[in-house]
Amino acid sequence: MSTKPVDLHELASSAREELADAGDEAALEKWRIAYLGRKGRLPLVLRGLGELPLEERRRLGGEANQLRQELESALEAKREELKQQRHTAAEETGRLDVTLPGRPKRVGRLHPVTQTMREMLEIFVSMGFSVIEGPEVETEYYNFTALRIPEDHPARDMQDTLWLEGAEKDGAPLLLRTHTSPNQARFMEQHQPPIRIAVPGRCYRHEATDASREWMFTQIELLAVDEGISMADLKGTLFEFAKRMFGQERRVRFRCDYFPFVEPGVDMAIDCFLCGGDGCRTCRGEGWIEVLGAGMVHPEILSNMGYDADRYTGFAAGVGVERICMLRHGIEDIRAFYANDLRFLEQF
């Protein structure tokens, strides 16, 4: 059987000569297509080896593959050579000044909500609280029942809950936690007094969002349980927090309020720092701005956690981090925090 002889030496010589003459990227690409492309000269040789006798096929196949590797390496070397030539030419013509400083890299920063949360936690840690975190996906028991909010309690209507469809744990439905209070119950189940913890984290509610409400928000809960804890300890802790967060000149007001898991319950407000208590748009003419809710831990909850309610007392407080950040910086719309607008975020 007669076959057309394959001259790899002639092909290699021709390829090297043409590669040496290539003077730019366009010429290199043209050369690559001609010799190494799908329909190039070398791939055509490899596809034609099947027509040759076995021994010649083996010999030429090995030589052709070796030639392919050599040409690919030569191509990369030529590209690097042309690149160096371009840099040298640029330096000689003055277009590239290597003495100029490099382009500055944009440095990221903490989100304003994260900044505020860390400042708040630093204050609480300095007063003896430990930072404890818990799961964002909770059971109905820890989110409601353990906190004196049974299924038929009207307080559940105050928290529009995001339930996880078809998700259960030990037969109980799962939900995205509506507050960080569940982790207080979890912690008390596993620890004995004295307890002083701050619980930060995201919370979720099926809210109709507006300038003051978001479906996701960040909260910090405080819990202190020990012998002899009283309302005076609660007021002293929150009073000190308000002073450090908003300034030593701030006045603080406590009023009775209702929360299912505390008795008595209070809300804490600070005097409006814009009008000084005279009444303005920010404080809605009242002269005071509500900051957080708090109260003494209900004895029933202490008993449910296995504590002696006659021996131990405690206080709890919950504060929205976004609200604190809005008050400190004069931000009027909570939605700005999560709109990902760099013009807003770069101010902090």
C-alpha atoms as a PDB file:
ATOM      1  CA  MET A   1       0.000   0.000   0.000  1.00  0.00           C
ATOM      2  CA  SER A   2       1.464   3.408  -0.966  1.00  0.00           C
ATOM      3  CA  THR A   3       1.103   6.486   1.261  1.00  0.00           C
ATOM      4  CA  LYS A   4       2.195  10.073   0.860  1.00  0.00           C
ATOM      5  CA  PRO A   5       5.351  10.707   2.942  1.00  0.00           C
ATOM      6  CA  VAL A   6       5.089  13.210   5.790  1.00  0.00           C
ATOM      7  CA  ASP A   7       8.022  15.671   6.099  1.00  0.00           C
ATOM      8  CA  LEU A   8       7.878  16.934   9.695  1.00  0.00           C
ATOM      9  CA  HIS A   9      11.323  18.500   9.393  1.00  0.00           C
ATOM     10  CA  GLU A  10      10.179  20.761   6.570  1.00  0.00           C
ATOM     11  CA  LEU A  11       7.020  21.697   8.531  1.00  0.00           C
ATOM     12  CA  ALA A  12       9.034  22.490  11.668  1.00  0.00           C
ATOM     13  CA  SER A  13      11.529  24.623   9.745  1.00  0.00           C
ATOM     14  CA  SER A  14       8.779  26.570   8.020  1.00  0.00           C
ATOM     15  CA  ALA A  15       6.909  27.134  11.318  1.00  0.00           C
ATOM     16  CA  ARG A  16       9.994  28.425  13.131  1.00  0.00           C
ATOM     17  CA  GLU A  17      10.883  30.830  10.303  1.00  0.00           C
ATOM     18  CA  GLU A  18       7.392  32.326  10.114  1.00  0.00           C
ATOM     19  CA  LEU A  19       7.150  32.603  13.926  1.00  0.00           C
ATOM     20  CA  ALA A  20      10.431  34.515  14.039  1.00  0.00           C
ATOM     21  CA  ASP A  21       9.069  36.999  11.473  1.00  0.00           C
ATOM     22  CA  ALA A  22       5.796  37.638  13.427  1.00  0.00           C
ATOM     23  CA  GLY A  23       5.940  41.185  14.751  1.00  0.00           C
ATOM     24  CA  ASP A  24       2.654  41.688  16.603  1.00  0.00           C
ATOM     25  CA  GLU A  25      -0.256  39.889  18.236  1.00  0.00           C
ATOM     26  CA  ALA A  26      -2.247  39.736  15.006  1.00  0.00           C
ATOM     27  CA  ALA A  27       0.611  37.977  13.212  1.00  0.00           C
ATOM     28  CA  LEU A  28       1.002  35.560  16.136  1.00  0.00           C
ATOM     29  CA  GLU A  29      -2.662  34.641  16.021  1.00  0.00           C
ATOM     30  CA  LYS A  30      -2.487  34.112  12.248  1.00  0.00           C
ATOM     31  CA  TRP A  31       0.524  31.833  12.744  1.00  0.00           C
ATOM     32  CA  ARG A  32      -1.212  29.867  15.488  1.00  0.00           C
ATOM     33  CA  ILE A  33      -4.238  29.196  13.295  1.00  0.00           C
ATOM     34  CA  ALA A  34      -2.033  28.167  10.355  1.00  0.00           C
ATOM     35  CA  TYR A  35       0.069  25.662  12.279  1.00  0.00           C
ATOM     36  CA  LEU A  36      -1.785  24.707  15.504  1.00  0.00           C
ATOM     37  CA  GLY A  37      -5.413  25.557  14.792  1.00  0.00           C
ATOM     38  CA  ARG A  38      -8.101  22.957  14.255  1.00  0.00           C
ATOM     39  CA  LYS A  39      -7.416  22.964  10.497  1.00  0.00           C
ATOM     40  CA  GLY A  40      -3.742  23.850  10.838  1.00  0.00           C
ATOM     41  CA  ARG A  41      -0.884  22.004   9.181  1.00  0.00           C
ATOM     42  CA  LEU A  42       0.222  19.995  12.217  1.00  0.00           C
ATOM     43  CA  PRO A  43      -3.277  18.767  13.226  1.00  0.00           C
ATOM     44  CA  LEU A  44      -3.816  17.674   9.599  1.00  0.00           C
ATOM     45  CA  VAL A  45      -0.641  15.618   9.793  1.00  0.00           C
ATOM     46  CA  LEU A  46      -1.832  13.955  13.000  1.00  0.00           C
ATOM     47  CA  ARG A  47      -5.205  13.144  11.469  1.00  0.00           C
ATOM     48  CA  GLY A  48      -3.489  11.575   8.419  1.00  0.00           C
ATOM     49  CA  LEU A  49      -1.386   9.156  10.462  1.00  0.00           C
ATOM     50  CA  GLY A  50      -4.153   6.552  10.350  1.00  0.00           C
ATOM     51  CA  GLU A  51      -3.376   5.874   6.687  1.00  0.00           C
ATOM     52  CA  LEU A  52       0.250   4.923   7.400  1.00  0.00           C
ATOM     53  CA  PRO A  53       1.704   1.512   8.331  1.00  0.00           C
ATOM     54  CA  LEU A  54       1.774   0.774  12.055  1.00  0.00           C
ATOM     55  CA  GLU A  55       5.521   1.232  12.617  1.00  0.00           C
ATOM     56  CA  GLU A  56       5.673   4.509  10.681  1.00  0.00           C
ATOM     57  CA  ARG A  57       2.520   5.693  12.409  1.00  0.00           C
ATOM     58  CA  ARG A  58       4.101   5.165  15.829  1.00  0.00           C
ATOM     59  CA  ARG A  59       7.315   6.934  14.854  1.00  0.00           C
ATOM     60  CA  LEU A  60       5.686   9.924  13.191  1.00  0.00           C
ATOM     61  CA  GLY A  61       3.022  10.192  15.901  1.00  0.00           C
ATOM     62  CA  GLY A  62       5.644  10.587  18.599  1.00  0.00           C
ATOM     63  CA  GLU A  63       7.601  13.113  16.542  1.00  0.00           C
ATOM     64  CA  ALA A  64       4.469  15.108  15.692  1.00  0.00           C
ATOM     65  CA  ASN A  65       3.357  15.342  19.337  1.00  0.00           C
ATOM     66  CA  GLN A  66       6.837  16.429  20.367  1.00  0.00           C
ATOM     67  CA  LEU A  67       6.796  19.069  17.625  1.00  0.00           C
ATOM     68  CA  ARG A  68       3.419  20.339  18.827  1.00  0.00           C
ATOM     69  CA  GLN A  69       4.809  20.881  22.350  1.00  0.00           C
ATOM     70  CA  GLU A  70       7.849  22.683  20.950  1.00  0.00           C
ATOM     71  CA  LEU A  71       5.745  24.990  18.789  1.00  0.00           C
ATOM     72  CA  GLU A  72       3.353  25.809  21.648  1.00  0.00           C
ATOM     73  CA  SER A  73       6.301  26.682  23.908  1.00  0.00           C
ATOM     74  CA  ALA A  74       7.844  28.781  21.142  1.00  0.00           C
ATOM     75  CA  LEU A  75       4.553  30.617  20.696  1.00  0.00           C
ATOM     76  CA  GLU A  76       4.367  31.553  24.409  1.00  0.00           C
ATOM     77  CA  ALA A  77       8.003  32.650  24.371  1.00  0.00           C
ATOM     78  CA  LYS A  78       7.337  34.861  21.338  1.00  0.00           C
ATOM     79  CA  ARG A  79       4.330  36.434  23.060  1.00  0.00           C
ATOM     80  CA  GLU A  80       6.420  37.256  26.121  1.00  0.00           C
ATOM     81  CA  GLU A  81       9.137  38.700  23.879  1.00  0.00           C
ATOM     82  CA  LEU A  82       6.663  40.983  22.123  1.00  0.00           C
ATOM     83  CA  LYS A  83       5.258  42.054  25.491  1.00  0.00           C
ATOM     84  CA  GLN A  84       8.692  43.052  26.745  1.00  0.00           C
ATOM     85  CA  GLN A  85       9.333  44.928  23.527  1.00  0.00           C
ATOM     86  CA  ARG A  86       6.117  46.902  23.952  1.00  0.00           C
ATOM     87  CA  HIS A  87       7.050  47.839  27.540  1.00  0.00           C
ATOM     88  CA  THR A  88      10.516  48.920  26.467  1.00  0.00           C
ATOM     89  CA  ALA A  89       9.109  51.021  23.644  1.00  0.00           C
ATOM     90  CA  ALA A  90       6.616  52.631  26.005  1.00  0.00           C
ATOM     91  CA  GLU A  91       9.364  53.566  28.446  1.00  0.00           C
ATOM     92  CA  GLU A  92      11.532  55.003  25.643  1.00  0.00           C
ATOM     93  CA  THR A  93       8.708  57.159  24.312  1.00  0.00           C
ATOM     94  CA  GLY A  94       7.776  58.392  27.798  1.00  0.00           C
ATOM     95  CA  ARG A  95       4.258  56.969  27.831  1.00  0.00           C
ATOM     96  CA  LEU A  96       5.015  54.844  30.905  1.00  0.00           C
ATOM     97  CA  ASP A  97       6.466  56.605  33.937  1.00  0.00           C
ATOM     98  CA  VAL A  98       7.520  53.912  36.393  1.00  0.00           C
ATOM     99  CA  THR A  99       8.157  56.557  39.070  1.00  0.00           C
ATOM    100  CA  LEU A 100       4.454  57.392  39.361  1.00  0.00           C
ATOM    101  CA  PRO A 101       2.605  55.898  42.366  1.00  0.00           C
ATOM    102  CA  GLY A 102       0.379  52.913  41.704  1.00  0.00           C
ATOM    103  CA  ARG A 103      -3.359  53.178  41.417  1.00  0.00           C
ATOM    104  CA  PRO A 104      -4.883  53.082  44.905  1.00  0.00           C
ATOM    105  CA  LYS A 105      -6.966  50.044  45.775  1.00  0.00           C
ATOM    106  CA  ARG A 106     -10.421  50.659  47.172  1.00  0.00           C
ATOM    107  CA  VAL A 107     -10.549  49.473  50.761  1.00  0.00           C
ATOM    108  CA  GLY A 108     -13.743  48.046  52.179  1.00  0.00           C
ATOM    109  CA  ARG A 109     -15.220  49.024  55.507  1.00  0.00           C
ATOM    110  CA  LEU A 110     -17.729  47.753  58.006  1.00  0.00           C
ATOM    111  CA  HIS A 111     -21.400  48.333  57.308  1.00  0.00           C
ATOM    112  CA  PRO A 112     -22.848  51.158  59.460  1.00  0.00           C
ATOM    113  CA  VAL A 113     -25.151  48.691  61.232  1.00  0.00           C
ATOM    114  CA  THR A 114     -22.173  46.457  62.036  1.00  0.00           C
ATOM    115  CA  GLN A 115     -20.197  49.456  63.284  1.00  0.00           C
ATOM    116  CA  THR A 116     -23.045  50.488  65.572  1.00  0.00           C
ATOM    117  CA  MET A 117     -23.596  46.929  66.839  1.00  0.00           C
ATOM    118  CA  ARG A 118     -19.923  46.591  67.770  1.00  0.00           C
ATOM    119  CA  GLU A 119     -19.978  49.908  69.635  1.00  0.00           C
ATOM    120  CA  MET A 120     -23.063  48.809  71.560  1.00  0.00           C
ATOM    121  CA  LEU A 121     -21.534  45.437  72.433  1.00  0.00           C
ATOM    122  CA  GLU A 122     -18.334  47.107  73.632  1.00  0.00           C
ATOM    123  CA  ILE A 123     -20.411  49.153  76.085  1.00  0.00           C
ATOM    124  CA  PHE A 124     -22.252  46.094  77.406  1.00  0.00           C
ATOM    125  CA  VAL A 125     -19.067  43.998  77.635  1.00  0.00           C
ATOM    126  CA  SER A 126     -17.442  46.772  79.682  1.00  0.00           C
ATOM    127  CA  MET A 127     -20.353  46.404  82.137  1.00  0.00           C
ATOM    128  CA  GLY A 128     -19.755  42.668  82.580  1.00  0.00           C
ATOM    129  CA  PHE A 129     -21.950  41.129  79.864  1.00  0.00           C
ATOM    130  CA  SER A 130     -20.761  38.253  77.680  1.00  0.00           C
ATOM    131  CA  VAL A 131     -21.689  38.112  73.979  1.00  0.00           C
ATOM    132  CA  ILE A 132     -23.695  34.985  73.087  1.00  0.00           C
ATOM    133  CA  GLU A 133     -25.111  34.078  69.663  1.00  0.00           C
ATOM    134  CA  GLY A 134     -27.803  31.613  68.658  1.00  0.00           C
ATOM    135  CA  PRO A 135     -29.579  30.144  65.596  1.00  0.00           C
ATOM    136  CA  GLU A 136     -31.605  32.323  63.247  1.00  0.00           C
ATOM    137  CA  VAL A 137     -33.902  29.395  62.379  1.00  0.00           C
ATOM    138  CA  GLU A 138     -35.862  28.641  65.537  1.00  0.00           C
ATOM    139  CA  THR A 139     -38.558  26.320  66.828  1.00  0.00           C
ATOM    140  CA  GLU A 140     -41.950  27.606  67.823  1.00  0.00           C
ATOM    141  CA  TYR A 141     -41.220  26.621  71.426  1.00  0.00           C
ATOM    142  CA  TYR A 142     -38.147  28.822  71.910  1.00  0.00           C
ATOM    143  CA  ASN A 143     -39.448  31.725  69.850  1.00  0.00           C
ATOM    144  CA  PHE A 144     -42.874  31.881  71.540  1.00  0.00           C
ATOM    145  CA  THR A 145     -43.921  29.284  74.084  1.00  0.00           C
ATOM    146  CA  ALA A 146     -40.828  29.440  76.302  1.00  0.00           C
ATOM    147  CA  LEU A 147     -41.278  33.216  76.477  1.00  0.00           C
ATOM    148  CA  ARG A 148     -44.861  33.090  77.741  1.00  0.00           C
ATOM    149  CA  ILE A 149     -46.409  33.543  74.291  1.00  0.00           C
ATOM    150  CA  PRO A 150     -48.642  30.460  73.797  1.00  0.00           C
ATOM    151  CA  GLU A 151     -50.393  29.735  70.522  1.00  0.00           C
ATOM    152  CA  ASP A 152     -53.602  31.596  71.454  1.00  0.00           C
ATOM    153  CA  HIS A 153     -51.812  34.622  72.965  1.00  0.00           C
ATOM    154  CA  PRO A 154     -52.660  37.956  71.261  1.00  0.00           C
ATOM    155  CA  ALA A 155     -48.984  38.969  71.396  1.00  0.00           C
ATOM    156  CA  ARG A 156     -48.324  36.584  68.517  1.00  0.00           C
ATOM    157  CA  ASP A 157     -50.355  38.867  66.307  1.00  0.00           C
ATOM    158  CA  MET A 158     -47.820  41.623  67.023  1.00  0.00           C
ATOM    159  CA  GLN A 159     -45.063  39.627  65.315  1.00  0.00           C
ATOM    160  CA  ASP A 160     -45.766  38.740  61.679  1.00  0.00           C
ATOM    161  CA  THR A 161     -43.839  35.507  61.468  1.00  0.00           C
ATOM    162  CA  LEU A 162     -42.003  33.935  58.532  1.00  0.00           C
ATOM    163  CA  TRP A 163     -42.665  30.185  58.843  1.00  0.00           C
ATOM    164  CA  LEU A 164     -40.568  27.617  56.971  1.00  0.00           C
ATOM    165  CA  GLU A 165     -42.979  25.527  54.929  1.00  0.00           C
ATOM    166  CA  GLY A 166     -42.625  21.800  55.527  1.00  0.00           C
ATOM    167  CA  ALA A 167     -39.717  22.237  57.977  1.00  0.00           C
ATOM    168  CA  GLU A 168     -39.958  20.679  61.425  1.00  0.00           C
ATOM    169  CA  LYS A 169     -37.715  19.684  64.303  1.00  0.00           C
ATOM    170  CA  ASP A 170     -38.935  17.053  66.746  1.00  0.00           C
ATOM    171  CA  GLY A 171     -42.416  17.570  65.349  1.00  0.00           C
ATOM    172  CA  ALA A 172     -42.404  21.337  65.969  1.00  0.00           C
ATOM    173  CA  PRO A 173     -42.657  23.832  63.075  1.00  0.00           C
ATOM    174  CA  LEU A 174     -39.614  25.980  62.290  1.00  0.00           C
ATOM    175  CA  LEU A 175     -39.536  29.720  61.629  1.00  0.00           C
ATOM    176  CA  LEU A 176     -37.148  32.602  61.176  1.00  0.00           C
ATOM    177  CA  ARG A 177     -36.785  34.067  64.642  1.00  0.00           C
ATOM    178  CA  THR A 178     -38.759  37.242  65.247  1.00  0.00           C
ATOM    179  CA  HIS A 179     -36.416  38.428  68.020  1.00  0.00           C
ATOM    180  CA  THR A 180     -33.172  37.306  69.672  1.00  0.00           C
ATOM    181  CA  SER A 181     -34.936  36.425  72.945  1.00  0.00           C
ATOM    182  CA  PRO A 182     -35.073  32.670  72.127  1.00  0.00           C
ATOM    183  CA  ASN A 183     -31.353  32.383  72.779  1.00  0.00           C
ATOM    184  CA  GLN A 184     -31.894  33.688  76.306  1.00  0.00           C
ATOM    185  CA  ALA A 185     -34.130  30.692  77.019  1.00  0.00           C
ATOM    186  CA  ARG A 186     -31.597  28.369  75.409  1.00  0.00           C
ATOM    187  CA  PHE A 187     -28.797  29.817  77.542  1.00  0.00           C
ATOM    188  CA  MET A 188     -30.749  29.629  80.795  1.00  0.00           C
ATOM    189  CA  GLU A 189     -31.566  25.959  80.163  1.00  0.00           C
ATOM    190  CA  GLN A 190     -27.848  25.147  80.170  1.00  0.00           C
ATOM    191  CA  HIS A 191     -26.448  27.587  82.744  1.00  0.00           C
ATOM    192  CA  GLN A 192     -27.083  28.549  86.327  1.00  0.00           C
ATOM    193  CA  PRO A 193     -27.031  32.115  87.707  1.00  0.00           C
ATOM    194  CA  PRO A 194     -25.320  34.493  87.829  1.00  0.00           C
ATOM    195  CA  ILE A 195     -26.007  35.288  84.156  1.00  0.00           C
ATOM    196  CA  ARG A 196     -25.128  38.425  82.233  1.00  0.00           C
ATOM    197  CA  ILE A 197     -25.343  38.032  78.461  1.00  0.00           C
ATOM    198  CA  ALA A 198     -25.813  40.225  75.386  1.00  0.00           C
ATOM    199  CA  VAL A 199     -27.358  38.425  72.415  1.00  0.00           C
ATOM    200  CA  PRO A 200     -26.882  40.106  69.004  1.00  0.00           C
ATOM    201  CA  GLY A 201     -28.251  38.896  65.680  1.00  0.00           C
ATOM    202  CA  ARG A 202     -30.608  39.293  62.755  1.00  0.00           C
ATOM    203  CA  CYS A 203     -34.359  38.913  63.166  1.00  0.00           C
ATOM    204  CA  TYR A 204     -37.070  38.490  60.560  1.00  0.00           C
ATOM    205  CA  ARG A 205     -40.704  39.535  60.325  1.00  0.00           C
ATOM    206  CA  HIS A 206     -43.246  39.563  57.541  1.00  0.00           C
ATOM    207  CA  GLU A 207     -43.464  43.343  57.634  1.00  0.00           C
ATOM    208  CA  ALA A 208     -44.882  45.816  55.151  1.00  0.00           C
ATOM    209  CA  THR A 209     -41.655  47.777  54.795  1.00  0.00           C
ATOM    210  CA  ASP A 210     -41.629  51.542  55.132  1.00  0.00           C
ATOM    211  CA  ALA A 211     -39.265  54.245  56.362  1.00  0.00           C
ATOM    212  CA  SER A 212     -39.206  52.816  59.908  1.00  0.00           C
ATOM    213  CA  ARG A 213     -39.760  49.057  59.332  1.00  0.00           C
ATOM    214  CA  GLU A 214     -37.836  46.375  57.487  1.00  0.00           C
ATOM    215  CA  TRP A 215     -38.523  42.652  57.086  1.00  0.00           C
ATOM    216  CA  MET A 216     -34.989  41.975  58.384  1.00  0.00           C
ATOM    217  CA  PHE A 217     -33.409  43.909  61.224  1.00  0.00           C
ATOM    218  CA  THR A 218     -30.642  43.540  63.800  1.00  0.00           C
ATOM    219  CA  GLN A 219     -31.316  43.330  67.511  1.00  0.00           C
ATOM    220  CA  ILE A 220     -29.349  43.053  70.747  1.00  0.00           C
ATOM    221  CA  GLU A 221     -30.998  41.459  73.776  1.00  0.00           C
ATOM    222  CA  LEU A 222     -29.706  41.819  77.324  1.00  0.00           C
ATOM    223  CA  LEU A 223     -30.317  39.327  80.099  1.00  0.00           C
ATOM    224  CA  ALA A 224     -29.123  39.452  83.703  1.00  0.00           C
ATOM    225  CA  VAL A 225     -30.198  36.904  86.326  1.00  0.00           C
ATOM    226  CA  ASP A 226     -28.841  36.760  89.859  1.00  0.00           C
ATOM    227  CA  GLU A 227     -29.850  37.139  93.486  1.00  0.00           C
ATOM    228  CA  GLY A 228     -31.130  40.582  94.377  1.00  0.00           C
ATOM    229  CA  ILE A 229     -31.359  42.077  90.869  1.00  0.00           C
ATOM    230  CA  SER A 230     -33.938  44.872  90.856  1.00  0.00           C
ATOM    231  CA  MET A 231     -35.427  47.523  88.620  1.00  0.00           C
ATOM    232  CA  ALA A 232     -32.694  49.852  89.885  1.00  0.00           C
ATOM    233  CA  ASP A 233     -30.078  47.598  88.220  1.00  0.00           C
ATOM    234  CA  LEU A 234     -32.050  47.660  84.981  1.00  0.00           C
ATOM    235  CA  LYS A 235     -32.356  51.441  85.006  1.00  0.00           C
ATOM    236  CA  GLY A 236     -28.713  51.931  85.918  1.00  0.00           C
ATOM    237  CA  THR A 237     -27.516  49.670  83.096  1.00  0.00           C
ATOM    238  CA  LEU A 238     -29.678  51.286  80.430  1.00  0.00           C
ATOM    239  CA  PHE A 239     -29.028  54.782  81.750  1.00  0.00           C
ATOM    240  CA  GLU A 240     -25.284  54.222  81.402  1.00  0.00           C
ATOM    241  CA  PHE A 241     -25.750  52.741  77.918  1.00  0.00           C
ATOM    242  CA  ALA A 242     -27.743  55.763  76.743  1.00  0.00           C
ATOM    243  CA  LYS A 243     -25.155  58.183  78.123  1.00  0.00           C
ATOM    244  CA  ARG A 244     -22.257  56.437  76.401  1.00  0.00           C
ATOM    245  CA  MET A 245     -24.120  55.971  73.129  1.00  0.00           C
ATOM    246  CA  PHE A 246     -25.770  59.358  72.754  1.00  0.00           C
ATOM    247  CA  GLY A 247     -23.740  61.673  74.986  1.00  0.00           C
ATOM    248  CA  GLN A 248     -23.460  62.456  78.670  1.00  0.00           C
ATOM    249  CA  GLU A 249     -25.917  65.360  78.369  1.00  0.00           C
ATOM    250  CA  ARG A 250     -28.810  63.081  77.388  1.00  0.00           C
ATOM    251  CA  ARG A 251     -31.838  62.788  79.642  1.00  0.00           C
ATOM    252  CA  VAL A 252     -33.482  59.362  79.971  1.00  0.00           C
ATOM    253  CA  ARG A 253     -37.137  58.544  80.554  1.00  0.00           C
ATOM    254  CA  PHE A 254     -38.723  55.233  81.612  1.00  0.00           C
ATOM    255  CA  ARG A 255     -42.447  54.507  81.168  1.00  0.00           C
ATOM    256  CA  CYS A 256     -44.574  51.430  81.818  1.00  0.00           C
ATOM    257  CA  ASP A 257     -45.114  49.206  78.778  1.00  0.00           C
ATOM    258  CA  TYR A 258     -46.237  45.651  78.039  1.00  0.00           C
ATOM    259  CA  PHE A 259     -44.041  42.741  76.944  1.00  0.00           C
ATOM    260  CA  PRO A 260     -45.163  39.130  77.528  1.00  0.00           C
ATOM    261  CA  PHE A 261     -41.906  37.889  79.019  1.00  0.00           C
ATOM    262  CA  VAL A 262     -41.272  40.683  81.548  1.00  0.00           C
ATOM    263  CA  GLU A 263     -43.229  42.023  84.496  1.00  0.00           C
ATOM    264  CA  PRO A 264     -43.196  44.936  84.953  1.00  0.00           C
ATOM    265  CA  GLY A 265     -42.272  46.134  81.471  1.00  0.00           C
ATOM    266  CA  VAL A 266     -40.922  49.544  80.495  1.00  0.00           C
ATOM    267  CA  ASP A 267     -39.895  51.487  77.431  1.00  0.00           C
ATOM    268  CA  MET A 268     -36.873  53.748  77.567  1.00  0.00           C
ATOM    269  CA  ALA A 269     -36.671  57.045  75.703  1.00  0.00           C
ATOM    270  CA  ILE A 270     -34.073  59.793  75.434  1.00  0.00           C
ATOM    271  CA  ASP A 271     -34.749  63.490  75.064  1.00  0.00           C
ATOM    272  CA  CYS A 272     -34.665  64.605  71.436  1.00  0.00           C
ATOM    273  CA  PHE A 273     -31.157  65.778  70.611  1.00  0.00           C
ATOM    274  CA  LEU A 274     -32.430  67.999  67.787  1.00  0.00           C
ATOM    275  CA  CYS A 275     -34.966  70.090  69.656  1.00  0.00           C
ATOM    276  CA  GLY A 276     -33.761  69.520  73.221  1.00  0.00           C
ATOM    277  CA  GLY A 277     -37.185  68.265  74.284  1.00  0.00           C
ATOM    278  CA  ASP A 278     -39.231  71.163  72.864  1.00  0.00           C
ATOM    279  CA  GLY A 279     -40.845  69.029  70.164  1.00  0.00           C
ATOM    280  CA  CYS A 280     -39.965  68.677  66.475  1.00  0.00           C
ATOM    281  CA  ARG A 281     -40.591  66.493  63.434  1.00  0.00           C
ATOM    282  CA  THR A 282     -38.017  63.909  64.492  1.00  0.00           C
ATOM    283  CA  CYS A 283     -39.642  63.282  67.897  1.00  0.00           C
ATOM    284  CA  ARG A 284     -43.154  63.872  66.488  1.00  0.00           C
ATOM    285  CA  GLY A 285     -43.650  66.825  68.751  1.00  0.00           C
ATOM    286  CA  GLU A 286     -43.212  64.833  71.962  1.00  0.00           C
ATOM    287  CA  GLY A 287     -39.686  65.900  72.866  1.00  0.00           C
ATOM    288  CA  TRP A 288     -38.730  62.256  73.513  1.00  0.00           C
ATOM    289  CA  ILE A 289     -37.508  59.439  71.231  1.00  0.00           C
ATOM    290  CA  GLU A 290     -38.231  55.842  72.205  1.00  0.00           C
ATOM    291  CA  VAL A 291     -35.081  53.718  72.088  1.00  0.00           C
ATOM    292  CA  LEU A 292     -35.832  50.256  73.507  1.00  0.00           C
ATOM    293  CA  GLY A 293     -38.111  48.021  75.564  1.00  0.00           C
ATOM    294  CA  ALA A 294     -37.148  46.268  78.778  1.00  0.00           C
ATOM    295  CA  GLY A 295     -38.419  44.909  82.093  1.00  0.00           C
ATOM    296  CA  MET A 296     -37.951  42.434  84.910  1.00  0.00           C
ATOM    297  CA  VAL A 297     -37.898  38.787  83.820  1.00  0.00           C
ATOM    298  CA  HIS A 298     -41.245  37.173  84.583  1.00  0.00           C
ATOM    299  CA  PRO A 299     -41.000  34.691  87.521  1.00  0.00           C
ATOM    300  CA  GLU A 300     -42.813  32.079  85.428  1.00  0.00           C
ATOM    301  CA  ILE A 301     -39.987  32.068  82.902  1.00  0.00           C
ATOM    302  CA  LEU A 302     -37.403  31.651  85.654  1.00  0.00           C
ATOM    303  CA  SER A 303     -39.368  28.695  87.033  1.00  0.00           C
ATOM    304  CA  ASN A 304     -39.676  27.132  83.580  1.00  0.00           C
ATOM    305  CA  MET A 305     -35.892  27.287  83.241  1.00  0.00           C
ATOM    306  CA  GLY A 306     -35.452  25.410  86.528  1.00  0.00           C
ATOM    307  CA  TYR A 307     -34.528  28.445  88.644  1.00  0.00           C
ATOM    308  CA  ASP A 308     -35.875  29.214  92.081  1.00  0.00           C
ATOM    309  CA  ALA A 309     -38.031  32.286  91.348  1.00  0.00           C
ATOM    310  CA  ASP A 310     -38.111  33.132  95.063  1.00  0.00           C
ATOM    311  CA  ARG A 311     -34.337  33.329  95.125  1.00  0.00           C
ATOM    312  CA  TYR A 312     -33.414  34.735  91.722  1.00  0.00           C
ATOM    313  CA  THR A 313     -34.605  37.775  89.814  1.00  0.00           C
ATOM    314  CA  GLY A 314     -33.466  39.271  86.554  1.00  0.00           C
ATOM    315  CA  PHE A 315     -33.974  41.904  83.893  1.00  0.00           C
ATOM    316  CA  ALA A 316     -34.105  41.785  80.092  1.00  0.00           C
ATOM    317  CA  ALA A 317     -33.944  44.453  77.386  1.00  0.00           C
ATOM    318  CA  GLY A 318     -34.146  44.460  73.605  1.00  0.00           C
ATOM    319  CA  VAL A 319     -32.850  47.210  71.337  1.00  0.00           C
ATOM    320  CA  GLY A 320     -32.879  47.531  67.540  1.00  0.00           C
ATOM    321  CA  VAL A 321     -29.421  48.291  66.184  1.00  0.00           C
ATOM    322  CA  GLU A 322     -30.714  50.008  63.034  1.00  0.00           C
ATOM    323  CA  ARG A 323     -32.820  52.323  65.189  1.00  0.00           C
ATOM    324  CA  ILE A 324     -29.811  53.331  67.277  1.00  0.00           C
ATOM    325  CA  CYS A 325     -27.783  53.947  64.120  1.00  0.00           C
ATOM    326  CA  MET A 326     -30.592  56.042  62.612  1.00  0.00           C
ATOM    327  CA  LEU A 327     -30.854  58.161  65.747  1.00  0.00           C
ATOM    328  CA  ARG A 328     -27.114  58.748  66.008  1.00  0.00           C
ATOM    329  CA  HIS A 329     -26.639  59.745  62.363  1.00  0.00           C
ATOM    330  CA  GLY A 330     -29.962  61.393  61.566  1.00  0.00           C
ATOM    331  CA  ILE A 331     -31.004  58.742  59.006  1.00  0.00           C
ATOM    332  CA  GLU A 332     -34.678  59.008  58.141  1.00  0.00           C
ATOM    333  CA  ASP A 333     -35.264  55.773  56.165  1.00  0.00           C
ATOM    334  CA  ILE A 334     -34.247  52.322  57.458  1.00  0.00           C
ATOM    335  CA  ARG A 335     -34.361  50.933  53.924  1.00  0.00           C
ATOM    336  CA  ALA A 336     -31.207  52.884  53.061  1.00  0.00           C
ATOM    337  CA  PHE A 337     -29.122  50.421  55.087  1.00  0.00           C
ATOM    338  CA  TYR A 338     -29.821  47.506  52.729  1.00  0.00           C
ATOM    339  CA  ALA A 339     -30.263  49.262  49.366  1.00  0.00           C
ATOM    340  CA  ASN A 340     -26.533  48.705  48.564  1.00  0.00           C
ATOM    341  CA  ASP A 341     -26.078  52.322  47.494  1.00  0.00           C
ATOM    342  CA  LEU A 342     -22.371  53.130  47.870  1.00  0.00           C
ATOM    343  CA  ARG A 343     -23.126  56.853  47.954  1.00  0.00           C
ATOM    344  CA  PHE A 344     -24.899  56.235  51.260  1.00  0.00           C
ATOM    345  CA  LEU A 345     -22.606  53.572  52.717  1.00  0.00           C
ATOM    346  CA  GLU A 346     -19.356  55.432  52.011  1.00  0.00           C
ATOM    347  CA  GLN A 347     -20.400  58.176  54.452  1.00  0.00           C
ATOM    348  CA  PHE A 348     -19.677  55.914  57.420  1.00  0.00           C
END
